[in-house]
Amino acid sequence: MRNGRIRFRTGFLSIGVMLALSHAALAQLPRLPSPTLPGVDLPNIGDTVSGTANGVTRDVDSRRLTSLRDVRVRELLRTQRATVERDPNGAPAMRAEIVAFSPTESAITSARSAGFVVLRDTVLDGLDARVVVLRAPAGLSTRRALARLRALDPSGAYDFNHIYLDSGDVEAEVSPANAEQTDRSTPTETAATRIGLVDGGVDATHPVFEGALIHRHGCADKAIASAHGTAVASLLIGRSERFHGAAPDAELYAADVYCGLADGGAVDAVVEAISWIARERVPVINVSLVGPRNVALEGAVRAVIARGFIIVAAVGNDGPASPPLYPAAYPGVVGVTGVDARQKALVEACRGPQVTFAAPGADMAAALLAPSFAAVRGTSFAAPIVAGLLAARMREPDARAARRAVAELVSQAVDLGAKGVDETYGNGLVGGAIRTEPVLALVGPPAATVAGSARR
């Protein structure tokens, strides 16, 4: 906390966002400053939007969007050099940390004898599993430490402690009163629909959550609001006179895996968050985060899906030629892409067999930090629409009910692109009516633009 304020970073301000606004409304938008990013020449948001209230056009360079992902990782490595490094494939990971998924006691004993130190040992009650984070011996690189553990325990599951990123870098400031919140008042009746969220913290003081029942988890029970987590949560359960999410008034179980830390979002925190939601028996879990394949995350995802839960995940914004991102690309996960107001796939959205559905992901507004709204763009903001629609069909975790819920949504999907299932739109568009007009971003204090979802 500095000068009585807390700063949250959640998205690149200058990624071009397509807003369905008239030129008159556009003129009222505050001109947003461009971030200073080494090696990237970005236009101001005011230079990247054009169109009318019924449609917009914009030239989007997918190569630039891909470079923005790389820039963000480089910036993380530069500013958090003491704690963050790249794995051999270039993905960010916690320096000198190895994550083990459900290791045996004998394996941990062998690791300790080899000089490893147990940093965290967490029982995953909801998964009947365990995640252990080990620190590599002094003088041993993380890569060599991982190889040594795998050699000591060939049947074990060990990996880098990868960092999973949300949608980028939007800067917003909130007062201490908003930073450490108290729970909202409990409704008179428990909501029938329950949804889980793995993301940044949610600003429960925002008017769209008035009367909502929000259960928090993580950060030592401190509420640390983030713009990305708040935006995604609003698209899940938000409701006001001019705004509604996919499952308004549903009960939300929100796990914060960042806690306002620049190097937050490590895989052990993501796995523990999924486990907590599973322990609470919340049937649908939204994850608008992406990163590389990881054995701990894969183990957790496989376990919850086998128990009848549905995981909905953003496919990411690394572009059509990008390799698959996780957890969306794991078998059984409902991967979601985004479309604009013209029902065209976002040019930056990843494609492939991991795409199950398309949903609105641009030309719309979501809640920012209270009491503002923001124009949002990216697959992060399409995923909660699908999660909300599926949650309305699920009361308890159940494998048969999960298959039926997905099948029902498939039957309602509007086929887009090539006839039938394809790698751009999956089974088609759902939740098309759940698109709040972006002009709402002009209501109240000047609102920033939350860009992207899930860019690794």
Protein backbone atom coordinates (compact mmCIF):
# COMPACT_ATOMS: atom_id res chain seq x y z
CA MET A 1 0.00 0.00 0.00
CA ARG A 2 1.48 3.35 -1.02
CA ASN A 3 0.06 6.79 -0.26
CA GLY A 4 -3.20 5.19 0.86
CA ARG A 5 -3.80 3.50 -2.48
CA ILE A 6 -3.44 0.04 -3.93
CA ARG A 7 -2.59 -0.49 -7.57
CA PHE A 8 -3.83 -3.38 -9.66
CA ARG A 9 -2.47 -4.29 -13.07
CA THR A 10 -4.77 -6.33 -15.27
CA GLY A 11 -4.66 -5.44 -18.97
CA PHE A 12 -2.95 -3.49 -21.77
CA LEU A 13 -4.69 -0.14 -22.14
CA SER A 14 -3.69 0.30 -25.74
CA ILE A 15 -4.84 -2.94 -27.29
CA GLY A 16 -7.43 -1.77 -29.84
CA VAL A 17 -10.90 -2.43 -28.48
CA MET A 18 -13.88 -2.41 -30.84
CA LEU A 19 -16.64 -0.34 -29.24
CA ALA A 20 -20.10 -0.15 -30.78
CA LEU A 21 -20.42 3.55 -30.13
CA SER A 22 -21.57 6.43 -32.31
CA HIS A 23 -19.00 9.05 -33.21
CA ALA A 24 -20.79 11.41 -30.84
CA ALA A 25 -20.46 8.99 -27.93
CA LEU A 26 -16.88 8.18 -28.88
CA ALA A 27 -15.98 11.84 -28.62
CA GLN A 28 -16.92 11.74 -24.95
CA LEU A 29 -14.45 8.96 -24.12
CA PRO A 30 -11.41 10.09 -22.15
CA ARG A 31 -8.20 9.76 -24.12
CA LEU A 32 -6.33 6.95 -22.44
CA PRO A 33 -2.55 7.04 -22.14
CA SER A 34 -0.53 4.39 -23.93
CA PRO A 35 1.69 2.23 -21.73
CA THR A 36 5.41 2.46 -22.24
CA LEU A 37 6.47 -0.93 -23.54
CA PRO A 38 9.96 -1.57 -24.88
CA GLY A 39 10.04 -2.34 -28.58
CA VAL A 40 6.30 -1.95 -29.17
CA ASP A 41 4.72 1.03 -30.89
CA LEU A 42 1.09 1.10 -29.83
CA PRO A 43 -1.59 3.54 -30.96
CA ASN A 44 -3.74 5.29 -28.41
CA ILE A 45 -7.17 3.72 -27.91
CA GLY A 46 -8.72 6.82 -29.45
CA ASP A 47 -6.92 6.06 -32.71
CA THR A 48 -8.08 2.43 -32.96
CA VAL A 49 -11.86 2.71 -32.79
CA SER A 50 -14.19 3.63 -35.60
CA GLY A 51 -17.72 2.86 -36.67
CA THR A 52 -21.34 3.48 -35.74
CA ALA A 53 -23.70 2.41 -33.01
CA ASN A 54 -24.64 -0.66 -35.06
CA GLY A 55 -21.23 -1.77 -36.18
CA VAL A 56 -17.52 -1.10 -36.01
CA THR A 57 -14.50 -1.70 -38.15
CA ARG A 58 -10.88 -1.88 -37.20
CA ASP A 59 -7.64 -3.18 -38.58
CA VAL A 60 -6.17 -5.55 -36.01
CA ASP A 61 -2.66 -6.88 -36.44
CA SER A 62 -2.56 -10.33 -34.84
CA ARG A 63 1.25 -10.29 -34.95
CA ARG A 64 1.19 -7.21 -32.73
CA LEU A 65 -1.11 -8.98 -30.28
CA THR A 66 1.29 -11.91 -30.14
CA SER A 67 4.19 -9.54 -29.50
CA LEU A 68 2.24 -7.98 -26.65
CA ARG A 69 2.14 -11.35 -24.91
CA ASP A 70 5.89 -11.62 -25.24
CA VAL A 71 6.34 -8.07 -23.98
CA ARG A 72 4.29 -8.80 -20.88
CA VAL A 73 6.34 -11.88 -20.08
CA ARG A 74 9.57 -9.92 -20.63
CA GLU A 75 8.32 -7.18 -18.34
CA LEU A 76 7.45 -9.73 -15.67
CA LEU A 77 10.91 -11.25 -15.95
CA ARG A 78 12.56 -7.83 -15.81
CA THR A 79 10.69 -6.54 -12.77
CA GLN A 80 10.49 -9.83 -10.86
CA ARG A 81 13.90 -11.24 -11.73
CA ALA A 82 14.51 -12.49 -8.21
CA THR A 83 11.43 -14.73 -8.23
CA VAL A 84 10.50 -15.37 -11.88
CA GLU A 85 12.32 -17.04 -14.77
CA ARG A 86 11.52 -18.72 -18.10
CA ASP A 87 11.19 -22.46 -18.51
CA PRO A 88 12.99 -24.04 -21.52
CA ASN A 89 9.98 -23.23 -23.72
CA GLY A 90 9.88 -19.58 -22.67
CA ALA A 91 6.90 -19.73 -20.30
CA PRO A 92 7.19 -17.81 -17.01
CA ALA A 93 7.68 -19.85 -13.87
CA MET A 94 8.68 -19.29 -10.26
CA ARG A 95 12.47 -19.33 -9.96
CA ALA A 96 13.99 -22.39 -8.24
CA GLU A 97 10.56 -23.91 -7.52
CA ILE A 98 9.31 -27.34 -8.53
CA VAL A 99 5.71 -28.42 -8.06
CA ALA A 100 4.88 -32.05 -7.26
CA PHE A 101 1.36 -33.41 -7.65
CA SER A 102 0.42 -36.05 -5.07
CA PRO A 103 3.98 -37.23 -4.32
CA THR A 104 4.52 -40.17 -2.00
CA GLU A 105 6.11 -39.69 1.41
CA SER A 106 9.12 -41.70 0.29
CA ALA A 107 9.53 -39.38 -2.71
CA ILE A 108 9.51 -36.32 -0.45
CA THR A 109 12.04 -37.97 1.86
CA SER A 110 14.32 -38.67 -1.12
CA ALA A 111 13.93 -35.08 -2.31
CA ARG A 112 14.90 -33.74 1.10
CA SER A 113 17.93 -36.02 1.20
CA ALA A 114 18.97 -34.58 -2.17
CA GLY A 115 18.92 -31.05 -0.77
CA PHE A 116 15.42 -29.93 -1.73
CA VAL A 117 13.38 -27.87 0.75
CA VAL A 118 9.60 -28.15 1.08
CA LEU A 119 8.20 -24.64 0.73
CA ARG A 120 4.49 -25.46 0.72
CA ASP A 121 2.60 -28.69 1.29
CA THR A 122 -1.12 -28.35 0.59
CA VAL A 123 -3.76 -31.03 0.92
CA LEU A 124 -6.34 -30.68 -1.85
CA ASP A 125 -9.43 -31.77 0.07
CA GLY A 126 -11.75 -31.43 -2.89
CA LEU A 127 -9.60 -33.68 -5.07
CA ASP A 128 -8.23 -36.26 -2.62
CA ALA A 129 -4.80 -35.11 -3.72
CA ARG A 130 -1.84 -33.06 -2.54
CA VAL A 131 0.41 -30.41 -4.09
CA VAL A 132 3.93 -29.85 -2.77
CA VAL A 133 6.22 -27.00 -3.82
CA LEU A 134 9.94 -27.76 -3.48
CA ARG A 135 12.84 -25.31 -3.59
CA ALA A 136 15.86 -26.42 -5.59
CA PRO A 137 19.21 -26.83 -3.81
CA ALA A 138 21.51 -23.80 -3.96
CA GLY A 139 23.57 -23.69 -7.14
CA LEU A 140 21.26 -26.00 -9.09
CA SER A 141 19.21 -24.52 -11.93
CA THR A 142 15.47 -25.10 -11.91
CA ARG A 143 15.73 -27.16 -15.09
CA ARG A 144 18.38 -29.44 -13.61
CA ALA A 145 16.48 -29.64 -10.33
CA LEU A 146 13.39 -30.84 -12.18
CA ALA A 147 15.44 -33.46 -14.02
CA ARG A 148 16.92 -34.68 -10.73
CA LEU A 149 13.50 -35.09 -9.10
CA ARG A 150 12.18 -36.97 -12.10
CA ALA A 151 15.20 -39.27 -11.95
CA LEU A 152 14.73 -39.86 -8.22
CA ASP A 153 11.01 -40.63 -8.70
CA PRO A 154 10.33 -41.70 -12.33
CA SER A 155 6.67 -42.46 -11.61
CA GLY A 156 6.04 -39.11 -9.90
CA ALA A 157 4.45 -35.96 -11.35
CA TYR A 158 6.86 -33.01 -11.24
CA ASP A 159 6.94 -29.77 -13.21
CA PHE A 160 7.93 -26.12 -13.14
CA ASN A 161 5.75 -23.92 -10.96
CA HIS A 162 4.40 -22.10 -14.00
CA ILE A 163 2.66 -18.74 -13.73
CA TYR A 164 -0.79 -18.37 -15.33
CA LEU A 165 -1.68 -14.92 -16.58
CA ASP A 166 -5.00 -13.17 -16.98
CA SER A 167 -5.78 -10.59 -19.59
CA GLY A 168 -2.88 -8.16 -19.43
CA ASP A 169 -2.23 -4.75 -17.89
CA VAL A 170 -5.02 -2.31 -17.17
CA GLU A 171 -4.06 0.05 -14.39
CA ALA A 172 -6.73 1.10 -11.90
CA GLU A 173 -6.51 2.57 -8.44
CA VAL A 174 -8.93 2.05 -5.60
CA SER A 175 -9.10 3.48 -2.12
CA PRO A 176 -8.16 1.34 0.90
CA ALA A 177 -11.88 1.05 1.69
CA ASN A 178 -12.40 -0.79 -1.56
CA ALA A 179 -9.17 -2.75 -1.29
CA GLU A 180 -10.10 -4.59 1.88
CA GLN A 181 -13.80 -5.25 1.66
CA THR A 182 -16.33 -6.88 3.89
CA ASP A 183 -18.70 -9.48 2.53
CA ARG A 184 -21.92 -8.29 0.96
CA SER A 185 -25.11 -8.84 2.90
CA THR A 186 -26.51 -12.32 2.50
CA PRO A 187 -29.74 -12.64 0.47
CA THR A 188 -32.79 -13.89 2.31
CA GLU A 189 -32.67 -17.15 0.35
CA THR A 190 -29.67 -19.09 -0.89
CA ALA A 191 -29.28 -18.88 -4.66
CA ALA A 192 -30.10 -22.10 -6.49
CA THR A 193 -27.32 -21.50 -9.04
CA ARG A 194 -23.70 -21.63 -7.86
CA ILE A 195 -20.63 -20.75 -9.90
CA GLY A 196 -16.91 -20.96 -9.15
CA LEU A 197 -14.34 -18.40 -10.30
CA VAL A 198 -10.54 -18.75 -10.39
CA ASP A 199 -9.12 -15.30 -11.16
CA GLY A 200 -8.05 -12.09 -9.46
CA GLY A 201 -10.02 -10.58 -6.58
CA VAL A 202 -13.57 -9.30 -7.03
CA ASP A 203 -14.67 -5.80 -5.97
CA ALA A 204 -17.84 -6.85 -4.16
CA THR A 205 -18.68 -3.20 -3.44
CA HIS A 206 -19.62 -2.61 -7.08
CA PRO A 207 -23.36 -1.88 -7.50
CA VAL A 208 -23.84 -4.85 -9.87
CA PHE A 209 -23.16 -7.16 -6.91
CA GLU A 210 -25.70 -5.50 -4.61
CA GLY A 211 -27.24 -8.25 -2.48
CA ALA A 212 -25.08 -10.94 -4.11
CA LEU A 213 -23.67 -13.79 -2.06
CA ILE A 214 -19.94 -13.92 -2.78
CA HIS A 215 -17.69 -16.38 -0.97
CA ARG A 216 -14.01 -15.40 -1.05
CA HIS A 217 -10.96 -17.63 -0.88
CA GLY A 218 -7.24 -16.96 -0.82
CA CYS A 219 -5.01 -14.05 0.23
CA ALA A 220 -5.36 -14.89 3.93
CA ASP A 221 -9.06 -13.98 3.67
CA LYS A 222 -8.25 -10.40 2.61
CA ALA A 223 -10.27 -8.99 -0.28
CA ILE A 224 -7.89 -7.46 -2.82
CA ALA A 225 -9.91 -6.19 -5.75
CA SER A 226 -8.71 -6.55 -9.35
CA ALA A 227 -10.19 -5.11 -12.51
CA HIS A 228 -10.00 -8.41 -14.41
CA GLY A 229 -11.56 -10.53 -11.68
CA THR A 230 -14.31 -7.96 -11.15
CA ALA A 231 -15.11 -7.78 -14.87
CA VAL A 232 -15.31 -11.57 -15.23
CA ALA A 233 -17.41 -11.90 -12.07
CA SER A 234 -19.86 -9.27 -13.32
CA LEU A 235 -20.37 -11.22 -16.53
CA LEU A 236 -21.13 -14.26 -14.39
CA ILE A 237 -23.51 -12.94 -11.72
CA GLY A 238 -23.76 -9.15 -12.05
CA ARG A 239 -27.12 -7.41 -12.17
CA SER A 240 -28.33 -3.81 -12.21
CA GLU A 241 -30.87 -1.72 -14.08
CA ARG A 242 -28.69 -1.51 -17.19
CA PHE A 243 -26.47 -4.55 -16.79
CA HIS A 244 -26.77 -8.29 -16.28
CA GLY A 245 -24.47 -11.26 -16.46
CA ALA A 246 -25.24 -14.76 -17.67
CA ALA A 247 -26.53 -15.96 -14.29
CA PRO A 248 -27.66 -12.85 -12.39
CA ASP A 249 -28.11 -13.35 -8.65
CA ALA A 250 -26.25 -16.66 -8.65
CA GLU A 251 -24.05 -17.52 -5.69
CA LEU A 252 -20.36 -16.96 -6.49
CA TYR A 253 -17.36 -18.80 -5.05
CA ALA A 254 -14.42 -16.57 -6.00
CA ALA A 255 -10.82 -17.70 -5.47
CA ASP A 256 -8.12 -15.05 -5.83
CA VAL A 257 -4.86 -16.57 -7.10
CA TYR A 258 -3.01 -13.24 -7.48
CA CYS A 259 -3.59 -11.33 -4.23
CA GLY A 260 -2.33 -8.16 -5.91
CA LEU A 261 1.17 -9.64 -6.40
CA ALA A 262 3.06 -9.17 -9.66
CA ASP A 263 4.29 -12.77 -9.51
CA GLY A 264 0.93 -14.21 -8.44
CA GLY A 265 -0.94 -16.89 -10.36
CA ALA A 266 1.51 -19.76 -9.83
CA VAL A 267 0.12 -23.17 -10.67
CA ASP A 268 0.05 -24.37 -7.07
CA ALA A 269 -2.30 -21.46 -6.24
CA VAL A 270 -4.50 -22.24 -9.26
CA VAL A 271 -4.71 -25.93 -8.33
CA GLU A 272 -5.52 -25.12 -4.70
CA ALA A 273 -8.27 -22.71 -5.84
CA ILE A 274 -9.86 -25.38 -8.04
CA SER A 275 -9.69 -27.81 -5.11
CA TRP A 276 -11.45 -25.35 -2.77
CA ILE A 277 -14.31 -24.84 -5.23
CA ALA A 278 -14.59 -28.60 -5.69
CA ARG A 279 -14.66 -29.09 -1.91
CA GLU A 280 -17.60 -26.68 -1.76
CA ARG A 281 -19.29 -28.80 -4.45
CA VAL A 282 -19.83 -25.90 -6.82
CA PRO A 283 -20.56 -27.65 -10.12
CA VAL A 284 -19.21 -25.14 -12.69
CA ILE A 285 -15.79 -23.46 -12.46
CA ASN A 286 -14.76 -20.54 -14.70
CA VAL A 287 -11.03 -20.11 -15.40
CA SER A 288 -10.23 -17.10 -17.61
CA LEU A 289 -6.48 -17.72 -17.28
CA VAL A 290 -3.98 -19.36 -19.61
CA GLY A 291 -0.51 -20.80 -19.53
CA PRO A 292 1.52 -23.82 -20.62
CA ARG A 293 0.77 -27.46 -20.09
CA ASN A 294 1.60 -28.49 -16.52
CA VAL A 295 1.33 -31.87 -14.80
CA ALA A 296 -0.13 -30.44 -11.57
CA LEU A 297 -2.82 -28.49 -13.38
CA GLU A 298 -3.57 -31.46 -15.61
CA GLY A 299 -3.95 -33.70 -12.59
CA ALA A 300 -6.34 -31.29 -10.89
CA VAL A 301 -8.42 -30.79 -14.04
CA ARG A 302 -8.67 -34.53 -14.66
CA ALA A 303 -9.73 -35.12 -11.05
CA VAL A 304 -12.52 -32.53 -10.98
CA ILE A 305 -13.93 -33.53 -14.37
CA ALA A 306 -13.98 -37.20 -13.27
CA ARG A 307 -16.06 -36.10 -10.26
CA GLY A 308 -18.72 -34.49 -12.45
CA PHE A 309 -17.62 -30.84 -12.35
CA ILE A 310 -17.52 -28.64 -15.44
CA ILE A 311 -14.48 -26.45 -16.07
CA VAL A 312 -15.03 -23.59 -18.50
CA ALA A 313 -11.86 -21.86 -19.73
CA ALA A 314 -10.89 -19.09 -22.14
CA VAL A 315 -8.93 -20.42 -25.12
CA GLY A 316 -6.66 -17.35 -25.09
CA ASN A 317 -5.71 -14.50 -27.39
CA ASP A 318 -2.39 -15.58 -28.87
CA GLY A 319 -3.75 -15.68 -32.42
CA PRO A 320 -5.04 -18.35 -34.83
CA ALA A 321 -1.60 -19.90 -35.34
CA SER A 322 -0.83 -20.18 -31.63
CA PRO A 323 -0.26 -23.58 -30.05
CA PRO A 324 -3.00 -24.55 -27.61
CA LEU A 325 -3.09 -22.90 -24.20
CA TYR A 326 -4.16 -24.48 -20.93
CA PRO A 327 -6.37 -25.36 -19.11
CA ALA A 328 -8.73 -24.83 -22.07
CA ALA A 329 -6.91 -27.43 -24.18
CA TYR A 330 -7.18 -30.27 -21.66
CA PRO A 331 -9.64 -33.05 -22.58
CA GLY A 332 -13.09 -32.47 -21.11
CA VAL A 333 -12.64 -28.73 -20.52
CA VAL A 334 -15.21 -26.46 -22.19
CA GLY A 335 -13.01 -24.08 -24.18
CA VAL A 336 -14.54 -20.74 -25.16
CA THR A 337 -13.63 -18.26 -27.89
CA GLY A 338 -14.98 -14.75 -28.35
CA VAL A 339 -16.91 -13.01 -31.10
CA ASP A 340 -17.64 -9.36 -31.78
CA ALA A 341 -20.99 -7.65 -32.37
CA ARG A 342 -21.00 -8.89 -35.98
CA GLN A 343 -20.60 -12.48 -34.76
CA LYS A 344 -17.09 -12.65 -36.17
CA ALA A 345 -14.38 -14.47 -34.25
CA LEU A 346 -11.89 -12.17 -32.54
CA VAL A 347 -8.86 -12.01 -34.79
CA GLU A 348 -6.57 -12.66 -31.83
CA ALA A 349 -8.49 -15.68 -30.49
CA CYS A 350 -6.74 -19.05 -30.49
CA ARG A 351 -8.23 -21.75 -32.68
CA GLY A 352 -8.25 -25.51 -32.65
CA PRO A 353 -10.19 -28.55 -31.42
CA GLN A 354 -10.16 -27.09 -27.89
CA VAL A 355 -12.84 -24.56 -28.93
CA THR A 356 -16.22 -25.85 -27.70
CA PHE A 357 -18.35 -22.69 -27.91
CA ALA A 358 -18.20 -19.07 -29.01
CA ALA A 359 -19.74 -16.27 -26.94
CA PRO A 360 -19.67 -12.46 -26.94
CA GLY A 361 -16.15 -11.28 -26.23
CA ALA A 362 -16.03 -7.73 -27.58
CA ASP A 363 -18.16 -4.64 -28.18
CA MET A 364 -19.56 -4.86 -24.68
CA ALA A 365 -19.13 -3.52 -21.16
CA ALA A 366 -18.39 -5.14 -17.82
CA ALA A 367 -17.95 -3.89 -14.28
CA LEU A 368 -14.64 -2.27 -13.43
CA LEU A 369 -13.62 -1.28 -9.91
CA ALA A 370 -16.63 0.31 -8.17
CA PRO A 371 -18.59 2.08 -9.41
CA SER A 372 -17.24 2.20 -12.98
CA PHE A 373 -17.78 0.05 -16.05
CA ALA A 374 -15.26 -0.73 -18.78
CA ALA A 375 -15.33 -1.73 -22.41
CA VAL A 376 -13.86 -5.25 -22.54
CA ARG A 377 -12.45 -7.47 -25.25
CA GLY A 378 -11.03 -10.98 -25.26
CA THR A 379 -11.82 -14.62 -24.68
CA SER A 380 -11.61 -14.03 -20.91
CA PHE A 381 -14.93 -12.25 -21.11
CA ALA A 382 -16.61 -14.83 -23.34
CA ALA A 383 -15.88 -17.73 -20.96
CA PRO A 384 -18.05 -16.47 -18.05
CA ILE A 385 -21.06 -16.18 -20.34
CA VAL A 386 -20.79 -19.88 -21.17
CA ALA A 387 -20.06 -20.76 -17.54
CA GLY A 388 -23.18 -18.92 -16.39
CA LEU A 389 -25.37 -20.67 -18.95
CA LEU A 390 -24.05 -24.08 -17.91
CA ALA A 391 -24.33 -23.31 -14.18
CA ALA A 392 -28.03 -22.61 -14.61
CA ARG A 393 -28.36 -26.25 -15.73
CA MET A 394 -26.36 -27.78 -12.87
CA ARG A 395 -27.26 -28.03 -9.18
CA GLU A 396 -24.62 -30.49 -8.00
CA PRO A 397 -21.50 -32.04 -9.55
CA ASP A 398 -22.60 -35.05 -11.56
CA ALA A 399 -20.92 -36.49 -14.65
CA ARG A 400 -24.18 -37.42 -16.36
CA ALA A 401 -25.76 -34.04 -15.60
CA ALA A 402 -22.61 -32.31 -16.87
CA ARG A 403 -22.79 -34.13 -20.20
CA ARG A 404 -26.48 -33.33 -20.47
CA ALA A 405 -25.91 -29.63 -19.69
CA VAL A 406 -23.24 -29.31 -22.38
CA ALA A 407 -25.40 -31.23 -24.88
CA GLU A 408 -28.35 -28.90 -24.20
CA LEU A 409 -26.17 -25.88 -24.82
CA VAL A 410 -24.85 -27.45 -28.03
CA SER A 411 -28.44 -27.89 -29.23
CA GLN A 412 -29.07 -24.17 -28.73
CA ALA A 413 -25.85 -22.96 -30.34
CA VAL A 414 -26.06 -20.86 -33.52
CA ASP A 415 -23.81 -22.38 -36.16
CA LEU A 416 -21.18 -19.91 -37.40
CA GLY A 417 -18.41 -20.24 -39.96
CA ALA A 418 -18.05 -23.61 -41.65
CA LYS A 419 -21.11 -25.82 -41.32
CA GLY A 420 -21.01 -27.97 -38.23
CA VAL A 421 -18.33 -28.08 -35.56
CA ASP A 422 -15.18 -26.20 -36.54
CA GLU A 423 -11.95 -25.01 -34.93
CA THR A 424 -12.90 -21.33 -35.00
CA TYR A 425 -16.38 -21.32 -33.41
CA GLY A 426 -16.63 -24.85 -32.01
CA ASN A 427 -20.29 -25.85 -31.82
CA GLY A 428 -21.35 -22.25 -32.44
CA LEU A 429 -22.47 -19.11 -30.66
CA VAL A 430 -24.31 -19.14 -27.33
CA GLY A 431 -25.36 -16.29 -25.07
CA GLY A 432 -25.56 -13.82 -27.92
CA ALA A 433 -28.14 -11.72 -26.07
CA ILE A 434 -25.84 -11.29 -23.06
CA ARG A 435 -23.92 -8.37 -24.50
CA THR A 436 -24.21 -5.13 -22.54
CA GLU A 437 -23.80 -2.12 -24.82
CA PRO A 438 -20.33 -0.58 -24.43
CA VAL A 439 -21.90 2.88 -24.05
CA LEU A 440 -22.40 1.81 -20.41
CA ALA A 441 -18.66 2.37 -19.98
CA LEU A 442 -19.44 6.10 -20.15
CA VAL A 443 -21.64 5.93 -17.05
CA GLY A 444 -20.14 7.26 -13.81
CA PRO A 445 -16.44 8.07 -13.36
CA PRO A 446 -14.18 7.76 -16.44
CA ALA A 447 -13.71 4.09 -17.17
CA ALA A 448 -10.60 2.37 -18.47
CA THR A 449 -10.49 -0.38 -21.03
CA VAL A 450 -9.87 -3.94 -19.88
CA ALA A 451 -8.21 -5.64 -22.81
CA GLY A 452 -7.80 -9.24 -23.70
CA SER A 453 -8.31 -12.41 -21.82
CA ALA A 454 -6.03 -14.82 -20.96
CA ARG A 455 -2.89 -13.90 -22.77
CA ARG A 456 0.02 -16.08 -21.75
